[in-house]
Each structure stands twice: as C-alpha cells, then as structure tokens.
Amino acid sequence: MKTLPSFDELKALAEKDPQALEALRIKLSEEVIESASEQMQPKLRAQMTHINRVIATGKNPNHVNALLMKELMRQFDRFSTALNNPAALTERTATVTAFRPRETQNMAVEG
C-alpha cells in the first residue's frame, strides 16, 4: 500500500489540482479495501459509497469537511451505543398508518 504524501504535498495538490487529489483519495481507498479480508470488502465498499455521497453534497471544501465530521460523529455515537447498549440498536418504535387511496372521481372524456 502506498504511503500518504505529507500534509504540505496534499495541501499543494488541493490548491493546484483538486481532481488529482480526488483521484489519489479514491486510489488509496481502493488499496485499503483490496487489502482487507474478502468478508469485509463489501462493507468497506458500501461505506466508501456512502462517504462519496456525503462528499458530493458539499458546496465547498469547508462544507465537505463539516459534513464528514457530522457523519463521523454520527457513526461514533452508533459505535458507542453498540458497545454500551447493544439492545438499543434493535429497539424501534413507529406508528404505522394504513394507506387509503383517495376516492377518484369518474372523469369521462368527451369526444
């Protein structure tokens, strides 16, 4: 697996060629996924897809960082719950309302 360039190199790449930085992110992520066990690879690919979707919603680099931090905190909270109160992950309560279609009016087409 390739080592991550220094912070200064990454910063320069972000300023001069953001597409190259994105390509590097994807390449290194793929290397990490490929080095994982076959059992973990689908989970890691799903996580990568989710991360890519979060990134795609960002309006600028600062917004992307805020969105990713929010996602990281959400997952950290879920992980904490899994360790401290695993039953809470399967407890769900919801109110289910039956779907009732509206009465449709008989509309005749005059010809």
PDB file of N, CA and C in Angstrom:
ATOM      1  N   MET A   1       0.846  -1.178   0.000  1.00  0.00           N
ATOM      2  CA  MET A   1       0.000   0.000   0.000  1.00  0.00           C
ATOM      3  C   MET A   1       0.894   1.245   0.000  1.00  0.00           C
ATOM      4  N   LYS A   2       0.507   2.207  -0.808  1.00  0.00           N
ATOM      5  CA  LYS A   2       1.257   3.453  -0.941  1.00  0.00           C
ATOM      6  C   LYS A   2       1.093   4.288   0.327  1.00  0.00           C
ATOM      7  N   THR A   3       2.154   5.001   0.705  1.00  0.00           N
ATOM      8  CA  THR A   3       2.054   5.868   1.875  1.00  0.00           C
ATOM      9  C   THR A   3       1.440   7.199   1.481  1.00  0.00           C
ATOM     10  N   LEU A   4       0.806   7.820   2.430  1.00  0.00           N
ATOM     11  CA  LEU A   4       0.150   9.103   2.213  1.00  0.00           C
ATOM     12  C   LEU A   4       1.208  10.195   2.091  1.00  0.00           C
ATOM     13  N   PRO A   5       1.072  11.076   1.105  1.00  0.00           N
ATOM     14  CA  PRO A   5       2.013  12.197   0.994  1.00  0.00           C
ATOM     15  C   PRO A   5       1.923  13.096   2.231  1.00  0.00           C
ATOM     16  N   SER A   6       2.917  13.939   2.397  1.00  0.00           N
ATOM     17  CA  SER A   6       2.931  14.848   3.544  1.00  0.00           C
ATOM     18  C   SER A   6       1.766  15.829   3.454  1.00  0.00           C
ATOM     19  N   PHE A   7       1.450  16.462   4.570  1.00  0.00           N
ATOM     20  CA  PHE A   7       0.376  17.452   4.604  1.00  0.00           C
ATOM     21  C   PHE A   7       0.633  18.557   3.593  1.00  0.00           C
ATOM     22  N   ASP A   8       1.880  19.050   3.550  1.00  0.00           N
ATOM     23  CA  ASP A   8       2.208  20.137   2.623  1.00  0.00           C
ATOM     24  C   ASP A   8       1.987  19.720   1.165  1.00  0.00           C
ATOM     25  N   GLU A   9       2.350  18.471   0.836  1.00  0.00           N
ATOM     26  CA  GLU A   9       2.134  17.980  -0.529  1.00  0.00           C
ATOM     27  C   GLU A   9       0.640  17.866  -0.843  1.00  0.00           C
ATOM     28  N   LEU A  10      -0.128  17.384   0.116  1.00  0.00           N
ATOM     29  CA  LEU A  10      -1.578  17.269  -0.074  1.00  0.00           C
ATOM     30  C   LEU A  10      -2.219  18.649  -0.223  1.00  0.00           C
ATOM     31  N   LYS A  11      -1.758  19.592   0.574  1.00  0.00           N
ATOM     32  CA  LYS A  11      -2.290  20.960   0.502  1.00  0.00           C
ATOM     33  C   LYS A  11      -1.991  21.560  -0.865  1.00  0.00           C
ATOM     34  N   ALA A  12      -0.760  21.393  -1.336  1.00  0.00           N
ATOM     35  CA  ALA A  12      -0.381  21.926  -2.644  1.00  0.00           C
ATOM     36  C   ALA A  12      -1.205  21.266  -3.755  1.00  0.00           C
ATOM     37  N   LEU A  13      -1.431  19.964  -3.634  1.00  0.00           N
ATOM     38  CA  LEU A  13      -2.223  19.249  -4.618  1.00  0.00           C
ATOM     39  C   LEU A  13      -3.671  19.754  -4.619  1.00  0.00           C
ATOM     40  N   ALA A  14      -4.218  19.998  -3.429  1.00  0.00           N
ATOM     41  CA  ALA A  14      -5.593  20.511  -3.311  1.00  0.00           C
ATOM     42  C   ALA A  14      -5.714  21.886  -3.973  1.00  0.00           C
ATOM     43  N   GLU A  15      -4.694  22.702  -3.847  1.00  0.00           N
ATOM     44  CA  GLU A  15      -4.735  24.043  -4.413  1.00  0.00           C
ATOM     45  C   GLU A  15      -4.510  24.047  -5.924  1.00  0.00           C
ATOM     46  N   LYS A  16      -3.593  23.179  -6.397  1.00  0.00           N
ATOM     47  CA  LYS A  16      -3.202  23.201  -7.806  1.00  0.00           C
ATOM     48  C   LYS A  16      -4.018  22.246  -8.679  1.00  0.00           C
ATOM     49  N   ASP A  17      -4.382  21.100  -8.118  1.00  0.00           N
ATOM     50  CA  ASP A  17      -5.059  20.081  -8.933  1.00  0.00           C
ATOM     51  C   ASP A  17      -6.019  19.260  -8.069  1.00  0.00           C
ATOM     52  N   PRO A  18      -7.196  19.818  -7.743  1.00  0.00           N
ATOM     53  CA  PRO A  18      -8.146  19.105  -6.892  1.00  0.00           C
ATOM     54  C   PRO A  18      -8.586  17.754  -7.459  1.00  0.00           C
ATOM     55  N   GLN A  19      -8.642  17.642  -8.801  1.00  0.00           N
ATOM     56  CA  GLN A  19      -9.032  16.363  -9.405  1.00  0.00           C
ATOM     57  C   GLN A  19      -7.980  15.289  -9.125  1.00  0.00           C
ATOM     58  N   ALA A  20      -6.719  15.670  -9.135  1.00  0.00           N
ATOM     59  CA  ALA A  20      -5.653  14.712  -8.832  1.00  0.00           C
ATOM     60  C   ALA A  20      -5.723  14.284  -7.370  1.00  0.00           C
ATOM     61  N   LEU A  21      -6.057  15.211  -6.488  1.00  0.00           N
ATOM     62  CA  LEU A  21      -6.213  14.871  -5.071  1.00  0.00           C
ATOM     63  C   LEU A  21      -7.375  13.890  -4.893  1.00  0.00           C
ATOM     64  N   GLU A  22      -8.468  14.130  -5.589  1.00  0.00           N
ATOM     65  CA  GLU A  22      -9.625  13.228  -5.526  1.00  0.00           C
ATOM     66  C   GLU A  22      -9.260  11.855  -6.067  1.00  0.00           C
ATOM     67  N   ALA A  23      -8.517  11.808  -7.163  1.00  0.00           N
ATOM     68  CA  ALA A  23      -8.082  10.531  -7.735  1.00  0.00           C
ATOM     69  C   ALA A  23      -7.182   9.784  -6.748  1.00  0.00           C
ATOM     70  N   LEU A  24      -6.312  10.515  -6.054  1.00  0.00           N
ATOM     71  CA  LEU A  24      -5.443   9.904  -5.047  1.00  0.00           C
ATOM     72  C   LEU A  24      -6.277   9.338  -3.896  1.00  0.00           C
ATOM     73  N   ARG A  25      -7.288  10.088  -3.463  1.00  0.00           N
ATOM     74  CA  ARG A  25      -8.159   9.618  -2.378  1.00  0.00           C
ATOM     75  C   ARG A  25      -8.834   8.305  -2.765  1.00  0.00           C
ATOM     76  N   ILE A  26      -9.356   8.266  -3.976  1.00  0.00           N
ATOM     77  CA  ILE A  26     -10.056   7.060  -4.438  1.00  0.00           C
ATOM     78  C   ILE A  26      -9.081   5.894  -4.587  1.00  0.00           C
ATOM     79  N   LYS A  27      -7.899   6.166  -5.147  1.00  0.00           N
ATOM     80  CA  LYS A  27      -6.899   5.112  -5.350  1.00  0.00           C
ATOM     81  C   LYS A  27      -6.455   4.521  -4.013  1.00  0.00           C
ATOM     82  N   LEU A  28      -6.129   5.381  -3.053  1.00  0.00           N
ATOM     83  CA  LEU A  28      -5.671   4.885  -1.755  1.00  0.00           C
ATOM     84  C   LEU A  28      -6.793   4.164  -1.012  1.00  0.00           C
ATOM     85  N   SER A  29      -8.007   4.657  -1.162  1.00  0.00           N
ATOM     86  CA  SER A  29      -9.150   3.987  -0.533  1.00  0.00           C
ATOM     87  C   SER A  29      -9.332   2.589  -1.116  1.00  0.00           C
ATOM     88  N   GLU A  30      -9.218   2.485  -2.427  1.00  0.00           N
ATOM     89  CA  GLU A  30      -9.337   1.177  -3.090  1.00  0.00           C
ATOM     90  C   GLU A  30      -8.248   0.223  -2.617  1.00  0.00           C
ATOM     91  N   GLU A  31      -7.043   0.742  -2.434  1.00  0.00           N
ATOM     92  CA  GLU A  31      -5.944  -0.099  -1.950  1.00  0.00           C
ATOM     93  C   GLU A  31      -6.251  -0.641  -0.554  1.00  0.00           C
ATOM     94  N   VAL A  32      -6.796   0.211   0.296  1.00  0.00           N
ATOM     95  CA  VAL A  32      -7.154  -0.226   1.648  1.00  0.00           C
ATOM     96  C   VAL A  32      -8.233  -1.298   1.580  1.00  0.00           C
ATOM     97  N   ILE A  33      -9.253  -1.065   0.752  1.00  0.00           N
ATOM     98  CA  ILE A  33     -10.342  -2.038   0.620  1.00  0.00           C
ATOM     99  C   ILE A  33      -9.812  -3.361   0.079  1.00  0.00           C
ATOM    100  N   GLU A  34      -8.967  -3.296  -0.942  1.00  0.00           N
ATOM    101  CA  GLU A  34      -8.411  -4.518  -1.534  1.00  0.00           C
ATOM    102  C   GLU A  34      -7.535  -5.291  -0.550  1.00  0.00           C
ATOM    103  N   SER A  35      -6.921  -4.598   0.391  1.00  0.00           N
ATOM    104  CA  SER A  35      -6.050  -5.285   1.359  1.00  0.00           C
ATOM    105  C   SER A  35      -6.841  -5.906   2.509  1.00  0.00           C
ATOM    106  N   ALA A  36      -8.124  -5.574   2.605  1.00  0.00           N
ATOM    107  CA  ALA A  36      -8.978  -6.119   3.671  1.00  0.00           C
ATOM    108  C   ALA A  36      -9.422  -7.533   3.302  1.00  0.00           C
ATOM    109  N   SER A  37      -9.940  -8.238   4.283  1.00  0.00           N
ATOM    110  CA  SER A  37     -10.444  -9.583   4.031  1.00  0.00           C
ATOM    111  C   SER A  37     -11.625  -9.524   3.064  1.00  0.00           C
ATOM    112  N   GLU A  38     -11.847 -10.619   2.361  1.00  0.00           N
ATOM    113  CA  GLU A  38     -12.960 -10.665   1.408  1.00  0.00           C
ATOM    114  C   GLU A  38     -14.290 -10.456   2.115  1.00  0.00           C
ATOM    115  N   GLN A  39     -14.374 -10.855   3.345  1.00  0.00           N
ATOM    116  CA  GLN A  39     -15.602 -10.696   4.131  1.00  0.00           C
ATOM    117  C   GLN A  39     -15.883  -9.214   4.412  1.00  0.00           C
ATOM    118  N   MET A  40     -14.836  -8.439   4.638  1.00  0.00           N
ATOM    119  CA  MET A  40     -15.002  -7.021   4.965  1.00  0.00           C
ATOM    120  C   MET A  40     -15.134  -6.116   3.742  1.00  0.00           C
ATOM    121  N   GLN A  41     -14.663  -6.555   2.598  1.00  0.00           N
ATOM    122  CA  GLN A  41     -14.650  -5.707   1.404  1.00  0.00           C
ATOM    123  C   GLN A  41     -16.019  -5.146   1.024  1.00  0.00           C
ATOM    124  N   PRO A  42     -17.092  -5.948   1.016  1.00  0.00           N
ATOM    125  CA  PRO A  42     -18.401  -5.355   0.672  1.00  0.00           C
ATOM    126  C   PRO A  42     -18.837  -4.267   1.654  1.00  0.00           C
ATOM    127  N   LYS A  43     -18.555  -4.462   2.926  1.00  0.00           N
ATOM    128  CA  LYS A  43     -18.908  -3.453   3.931  1.00  0.00           C
ATOM    129  C   LYS A  43     -18.096  -2.176   3.717  1.00  0.00           C
ATOM    130  N   LEU A  44     -16.826  -2.333   3.411  1.00  0.00           N
ATOM    131  CA  LEU A  44     -15.974  -1.171   3.171  1.00  0.00           C
ATOM    132  C   LEU A  44     -16.377  -0.445   1.893  1.00  0.00           C
ATOM    133  N   ARG A  45     -16.751  -1.192   0.873  1.00  0.00           N
ATOM    134  CA  ARG A  45     -17.213  -0.565  -0.373  1.00  0.00           C
ATOM    135  C   ARG A  45     -18.522   0.210  -0.132  1.00  0.00           C
ATOM    136  N   ALA A  46     -19.408  -0.368   0.667  1.00  0.00           N
ATOM    137  CA  ALA A  46     -20.650   0.334   0.998  1.00  0.00           C
ATOM    138  C   ALA A  46     -20.341   1.620   1.762  1.00  0.00           C
ATOM    139  N   GLN A  47     -19.403   1.542   2.694  1.00  0.00           N
ATOM    140  CA  GLN A  47     -19.013   2.732   3.447  1.00  0.00           C
ATOM    141  C   GLN A  47     -18.391   3.773   2.530  1.00  0.00           C
ATOM    142  N   MET A  48     -17.588   3.324   1.591  1.00  0.00           N
ATOM    143  CA  MET A  48     -16.958   4.250   0.644  1.00  0.00           C
ATOM    144  C   MET A  48     -18.011   4.933  -0.232  1.00  0.00           C
ATOM    145  N   THR A  49     -19.002   4.185  -0.665  1.00  0.00           N
ATOM    146  CA  THR A  49     -20.092   4.763  -1.451  1.00  0.00           C
ATOM    147  C   THR A  49     -20.824   5.823  -0.642  1.00  0.00           C
ATOM    148  N   HIS A  50     -21.063   5.523   0.622  1.00  0.00           N
ATOM    149  CA  HIS A  50     -21.739   6.491   1.490  1.00  0.00           C
ATOM    150  C   HIS A  50     -20.892   7.761   1.650  1.00  0.00           C
ATOM    151  N   ILE A  51     -19.613   7.585   1.880  1.00  0.00           N
ATOM    152  CA  ILE A  51     -18.709   8.733   2.016  1.00  0.00           C
ATOM    153  C   ILE A  51     -18.710   9.563   0.728  1.00  0.00           C
ATOM    154  N   ASN A  52     -18.671   8.893  -0.416  1.00  0.00           N
ATOM    155  CA  ASN A  52     -18.689   9.609  -1.701  1.00  0.00           C
ATOM    156  C   ASN A  52     -19.968  10.417  -1.864  1.00  0.00           C
ATOM    157  N   ARG A  53     -21.075   9.870  -1.403  1.00  0.00           N
ATOM    158  CA  ARG A  53     -22.347  10.609  -1.489  1.00  0.00           C
ATOM    159  C   ARG A  53     -22.341  11.822  -0.560  1.00  0.00           C
ATOM    160  N   VAL A  54     -21.772  11.670   0.615  1.00  0.00           N
ATOM    161  CA  VAL A  54     -21.670  12.808   1.536  1.00  0.00           C
ATOM    162  C   VAL A  54     -20.804  13.894   0.900  1.00  0.00           C
ATOM    163  N   ILE A  55     -19.683  13.499   0.344  1.00  0.00           N
ATOM    164  CA  ILE A  55     -18.777  14.450  -0.299  1.00  0.00           C
ATOM    165  C   ILE A  55     -19.471  15.161  -1.454  1.00  0.00           C
ATOM    166  N   ALA A  56     -20.252  14.424  -2.224  1.00  0.00           N
ATOM    167  CA  ALA A  56     -20.927  15.008  -3.393  1.00  0.00           C
ATOM    168  C   ALA A  56     -21.939  16.082  -3.009  1.00  0.00           C
ATOM    169  N   THR A  57     -22.440  16.044  -1.788  1.00  0.00           N
ATOM    170  CA  THR A  57     -23.427  17.047  -1.381  1.00  0.00           C
ATOM    171  C   THR A  57     -22.784  18.338  -0.883  1.00  0.00           C
ATOM    172  N   GLY A  58     -21.475  18.320  -0.682  1.00  0.00           N
ATOM    173  CA  GLY A  58     -20.789  19.503  -0.178  1.00  0.00           C
ATOM    174  C   GLY A  58     -20.717  20.615  -1.205  1.00  0.00           C
ATOM    175  N   LYS A  59     -20.861  21.846  -0.725  1.00  0.00           N
ATOM    176  CA  LYS A  59     -20.843  23.009  -1.615  1.00  0.00           C
ATOM    177  C   LYS A  59     -19.441  23.542  -1.838  1.00  0.00           C
ATOM    178  N   ASN A  60     -18.546  23.289  -0.874  1.00  0.00           N
ATOM    179  CA  ASN A  60     -17.159  23.725  -0.973  1.00  0.00           C
ATOM    180  C   ASN A  60     -16.346  22.853  -0.011  1.00  0.00           C
ATOM    181  N   PRO A  61     -15.013  22.922  -0.049  1.00  0.00           N
ATOM    182  CA  PRO A  61     -14.213  22.042   0.810  1.00  0.00           C
ATOM    183  C   PRO A  61     -14.533  22.159   2.305  1.00  0.00           C
ATOM    184  N   ASN A  62     -14.808  23.374   2.791  1.00  0.00           N
ATOM    185  CA  ASN A  62     -15.137  23.521   4.206  1.00  0.00           C
ATOM    186  C   ASN A  62     -16.467  22.856   4.535  1.00  0.00           C
ATOM    187  N   HIS A  63     -17.436  22.991   3.636  1.00  0.00           N
ATOM    188  CA  HIS A  63     -18.727  22.348   3.842  1.00  0.00           C
ATOM    189  C   HIS A  63     -18.573  20.824   3.834  1.00  0.00           C
ATOM    190  N   VAL A  64     -17.752  20.303   2.927  1.00  0.00           N
ATOM    191  CA  VAL A  64     -17.494  18.859   2.872  1.00  0.00           C
ATOM    192  C   VAL A  64     -16.891  18.392   4.195  1.00  0.00           C
ATOM    193  N   ASN A  65     -15.919  19.135   4.713  1.00  0.00           N
ATOM    194  CA  ASN A  65     -15.305  18.755   5.995  1.00  0.00           C
ATOM    195  C   ASN A  65     -16.330  18.742   7.117  1.00  0.00           C
ATOM    196  N   ALA A  66     -17.216  19.731   7.142  1.00  0.00           N
ATOM    197  CA  ALA A  66     -18.251  19.775   8.180  1.00  0.00           C
ATOM    198  C   ALA A  66     -19.203  18.591   8.039  1.00  0.00           C
ATOM    199  N   LEU A  67     -19.588  18.274   6.810  1.00  0.00           N
ATOM    200  CA  LEU A  67     -20.478  17.127   6.587  1.00  0.00           C
ATOM    201  C   LEU A  67     -19.826  15.812   7.000  1.00  0.00           C
ATOM    202  N   LEU A  68     -18.548  15.658   6.646  1.00  0.00           N
ATOM    203  CA  LEU A  68     -17.836  14.432   7.017  1.00  0.00           C
ATOM    204  C   LEU A  68     -17.657  14.323   8.531  1.00  0.00           C
ATOM    205  N   MET A  69     -17.409  15.453   9.200  1.00  0.00           N
ATOM    206  CA  MET A  69     -17.279  15.436  10.657  1.00  0.00           C
ATOM    207  C   MET A  69     -18.610  15.049  11.291  1.00  0.00           C
ATOM    208  N   LYS A  70     -19.688  15.588  10.776  1.00  0.00           N
ATOM    209  CA  LYS A  70     -21.022  15.247  11.285  1.00  0.00           C
ATOM    210  C   LYS A  70     -21.283  13.750  11.117  1.00  0.00           C
ATOM    211  N   GLU A  71     -20.937  13.214   9.954  1.00  0.00           N
ATOM    212  CA  GLU A  71     -21.119  11.781   9.693  1.00  0.00           C
ATOM    213  C   GLU A  71     -20.241  10.940  10.616  1.00  0.00           C
ATOM    214  N   LEU A  72     -19.014  11.365  10.816  1.00  0.00           N
ATOM    215  CA  LEU A  72     -18.110  10.647  11.711  1.00  0.00           C
ATOM    216  C   LEU A  72     -18.654  10.628  13.140  1.00  0.00           C
ATOM    217  N   MET A  73     -19.173  11.744  13.592  1.00  0.00           N
ATOM    218  CA  MET A  73     -19.746  11.814  14.942  1.00  0.00           C
ATOM    219  C   MET A  73     -20.984  10.921  15.061  1.00  0.00           C
ATOM    220  N   ARG A  74     -21.800  10.893  13.997  1.00  0.00           N
ATOM    221  CA  ARG A  74     -22.985  10.033  13.998  1.00  0.00           C
ATOM    222  C   ARG A  74     -22.579   8.562  14.101  1.00  0.00           C
ATOM    223  N   GLN A  75     -21.556   8.169  13.347  1.00  0.00           N
ATOM    224  CA  GLN A  75     -21.100   6.784  13.384  1.00  0.00           C
ATOM    225  C   GLN A  75     -20.398   6.470  14.708  1.00  0.00           C
ATOM    226  N   PHE A  76     -19.672   7.429  15.239  1.00  0.00           N
ATOM    227  CA  PHE A  76     -19.027   7.237  16.537  1.00  0.00           C
ATOM    228  C   PHE A  76     -20.089   7.009  17.613  1.00  0.00           C
ATOM    229  N   ASP A  77     -21.174   7.787  17.564  1.00  0.00           N
ATOM    230  CA  ASP A  77     -22.266   7.620  18.516  1.00  0.00           C
ATOM    231  C   ASP A  77     -22.900   6.234  18.381  1.00  0.00           C
ATOM    232  N   ARG A  78     -23.088   5.786  17.154  1.00  0.00           N
ATOM    233  CA  ARG A  78     -23.654   4.445  16.923  1.00  0.00           C
ATOM    234  C   ARG A  78     -22.715   3.365  17.454  1.00  0.00           C
ATOM    235  N   PHE A  79     -21.427   3.533  17.247  1.00  0.00           N
ATOM    236  CA  PHE A  79     -20.436   2.583  17.747  1.00  0.00           C
ATOM    237  C   PHE A  79     -20.454   2.547  19.274  1.00  0.00           C
ATOM    238  N   SER A  80     -20.540   3.708  19.878  1.00  0.00           N
ATOM    239  CA  SER A  80     -20.618   3.797  21.336  1.00  0.00           C
ATOM    240  C   SER A  80     -21.858   3.083  21.860  1.00  0.00           C
ATOM    241  N   THR A  81     -22.972   3.280  21.181  1.00  0.00           N
ATOM    242  CA  THR A  81     -24.212   2.607  21.573  1.00  0.00           C
ATOM    243  C   THR A  81     -24.056   1.093  21.433  1.00  0.00           C
ATOM    244  N   ALA A  82     -23.414   0.646  20.362  1.00  0.00           N
ATOM    245  CA  ALA A  82     -23.213  -0.786  20.151  1.00  0.00           C
ATOM    246  C   ALA A  82     -22.385  -1.395  21.279  1.00  0.00           C
ATOM    247  N   LEU A  83     -21.437  -0.642  21.796  1.00  0.00           N
ATOM    248  CA  LEU A  83     -20.607  -1.150  22.887  1.00  0.00           C
ATOM    249  C   LEU A  83     -21.308  -1.084  24.239  1.00  0.00           C
ATOM    250  N   ASN A  84     -22.004   0.011  24.477  1.00  0.00           N
ATOM    251  CA  ASN A  84     -22.572   0.254  25.801  1.00  0.00           C
ATOM    252  C   ASN A  84     -24.020  -0.199  25.976  1.00  0.00           C
ATOM    253  N   ASN A  85     -24.781  -0.237  24.896  1.00  0.00           N
ATOM    254  CA  ASN A  85     -26.187  -0.613  24.995  1.00  0.00           C
ATOM    255  C   ASN A  85     -26.634  -1.248  23.674  1.00  0.00           C
ATOM    256  N   PRO A  86     -26.112  -2.446  23.362  1.00  0.00           N
ATOM    257  CA  PRO A  86     -26.383  -3.046  22.057  1.00  0.00           C
ATOM    258  C   PRO A  86     -27.873  -3.265  21.769  1.00  0.00           C
ATOM    259  N   ALA A  87     -28.667  -3.498  22.794  1.00  0.00           N
ATOM    260  CA  ALA A  87     -30.101  -3.723  22.583  1.00  0.00           C
ATOM    261  C   ALA A  87     -30.773  -2.487  21.983  1.00  0.00           C
ATOM    262  N   ALA A  88     -30.234  -1.315  22.253  1.00  0.00           N
ATOM    263  CA  ALA A  88     -30.833  -0.079  21.753  1.00  0.00           C
ATOM    264  C   ALA A  88     -30.770   0.009  20.227  1.00  0.00           C
ATOM    265  N   LEU A  89     -29.850  -0.712  19.609  1.00  0.00           N
ATOM    266  CA  LEU A  89     -29.730  -0.660  18.154  1.00  0.00           C
ATOM    267  C   LEU A  89     -30.869  -1.388  17.452  1.00  0.00           C
ATOM    268  N   THR A  90     -31.505  -2.305  18.157  1.00  0.00           N
ATOM    269  CA  THR A  90     -32.589  -3.064  17.535  1.00  0.00           C
ATOM    270  C   THR A  90     -33.963  -2.628  18.030  1.00  0.00           C
ATOM    271  N   GLU A  91     -33.994  -1.736  19.007  1.00  0.00           N
ATOM    272  CA  GLU A  91     -35.271  -1.234  19.503  1.00  0.00           C
ATOM    273  C   GLU A  91     -35.776  -0.149  18.564  1.00  0.00           C
ATOM    274  N   ARG A  92     -36.923  -0.370  18.004  1.00  0.00           N
ATOM    275  CA  ARG A  92     -37.514   0.622  17.116  1.00  0.00           C
ATOM    276  C   ARG A  92     -38.986   0.770  17.480  1.00  0.00           C
ATOM    277  N   THR A  93     -39.442   1.977  17.474  1.00  0.00           N
ATOM    278  CA  THR A  93     -40.860   2.218  17.662  1.00  0.00           C
ATOM    279  C   THR A  93     -41.319   3.122  16.530  1.00  0.00           C
ATOM    280  N   ALA A  94     -42.476   2.800  16.021  1.00  0.00           N
ATOM    281  CA  ALA A  94     -43.022   3.602  14.926  1.00  0.00           C
ATOM    282  C   ALA A  94     -44.531   3.473  14.945  1.00  0.00           C
ATOM    283  N   THR A  95     -45.158   4.483  14.455  1.00  0.00           N
ATOM    284  CA  THR A  95     -46.592   4.439  14.264  1.00  0.00           C
ATOM    285  C   THR A  95     -46.832   4.176  12.786  1.00  0.00           C
ATOM    286  N   VAL A  96     -47.552   3.108  12.507  1.00  0.00           N
ATOM    287  CA  VAL A  96     -47.822   2.749  11.128  1.00  0.00           C
ATOM    288  C   VAL A  96     -49.249   3.157  10.799  1.00  0.00           C
ATOM    289  N   THR A  97     -49.385   3.933   9.774  1.00  0.00           N
ATOM    290  CA  THR A  97     -50.697   4.393   9.335  1.00  0.00           C
ATOM    291  C   THR A  97     -51.040   3.701   8.029  1.00  0.00           C
ATOM    292  N   ALA A  98     -52.210   3.105   7.979  1.00  0.00           N
ATOM    293  CA  ALA A  98     -52.623   2.401   6.769  1.00  0.00           C
ATOM    294  C   ALA A  98     -52.822   3.390   5.628  1.00  0.00           C
ATOM    295  N   PHE A  99     -52.418   2.996   4.462  1.00  0.00           N
ATOM    296  CA  PHE A  99     -52.587   3.823   3.276  1.00  0.00           C
ATOM    297  C   PHE A  99     -53.987   3.605   2.729  1.00  0.00           C
ATOM    298  N   ARG A 100     -54.696   4.673   2.563  1.00  0.00           N
ATOM    299  CA  ARG A 100     -56.036   4.612   1.985  1.00  0.00           C
ATOM    300  C   ARG A 100     -56.064   5.536   0.776  1.00  0.00           C
ATOM    301  N   PRO A 101     -56.243   4.971  -0.406  1.00  0.00           N
ATOM    302  CA  PRO A 101     -56.278   5.830  -1.598  1.00  0.00           C
ATOM    303  C   PRO A 101     -57.482   6.765  -1.568  1.00  0.00           C
ATOM    304  N   ARG A 102     -57.291   7.947  -2.078  1.00  0.00           N
ATOM    305  CA  ARG A 102     -58.392   8.904  -2.163  1.00  0.00           C
ATOM    306  C   ARG A 102     -59.431   8.402  -3.146  1.00  0.00           C
ATOM    307  N   GLU A 103     -60.639   8.803  -2.899  1.00  0.00           N
ATOM    308  CA  GLU A 103     -61.716   8.476  -3.832  1.00  0.00           C
ATOM    309  C   GLU A 103     -61.404   9.181  -5.142  1.00  0.00           C
ATOM    310  N   THR A 104     -61.457   8.457  -6.217  1.00  0.00           N
ATOM    311  CA  THR A 104     -61.209   9.088  -7.522  1.00  0.00           C
ATOM    312  C   THR A 104     -62.553   9.400  -8.164  1.00  0.00           C
ATOM    313  N   GLN A 105     -62.600  10.527  -8.766  1.00  0.00           N
ATOM    314  CA  GLN A 105     -63.827  10.930  -9.435  1.00  0.00           C
ATOM    315  C   GLN A 105     -63.857  10.308 -10.827  1.00  0.00           C
ATOM    316  N   ASN A 106     -65.022   9.913 -11.208  1.00  0.00           N
ATOM    317  CA  ASN A 106     -65.179   9.335 -12.529  1.00  0.00           C
ATOM    318  C   ASN A 106     -65.146  10.451 -13.554  1.00  0.00           C
ATOM    319  N   MET A 107     -64.046  10.533 -14.259  1.00  0.00           N
ATOM    320  CA  MET A 107     -63.872  11.609 -15.229  1.00  0.00           C
ATOM    321  C   MET A 107     -64.071  11.036 -16.620  1.00  0.00           C
ATOM    322  N   ALA A 108     -65.137  11.459 -17.265  1.00  0.00           N
ATOM    323  CA  ALA A 108     -65.391  10.993 -18.623  1.00  0.00           C
ATOM    324  C   ALA A 108     -64.772  11.986 -19.604  1.00  0.00           C
ATOM    325  N   VAL A 109     -64.176  11.453 -20.600  1.00  0.00           N
ATOM    326  CA  VAL A 109     -63.577  12.288 -21.639  1.00  0.00           C
ATOM    327  C   VAL A 109     -64.612  12.435 -22.737  1.00  0.00           C
ATOM    328  N   GLU A 110     -64.955  13.671 -23.003  1.00  0.00           N
ATOM    329  CA  GLU A 110     -65.936  13.934 -24.043  1.00  0.00           C
ATOM    330  C   GLU A 110     -65.225  14.023 -25.386  1.00  0.00           C
ATOM    331  N   GLY A 111     -65.790  13.421 -26.371  1.00  0.00           N
ATOM    332  CA  GLY A 111     -65.126  13.412 -27.658  1.00  0.00           C
ATOM    333  C   GLY A 111     -65.924  13.885 -28.793  1.00  0.00           C
TER     334      GLY A 111
END
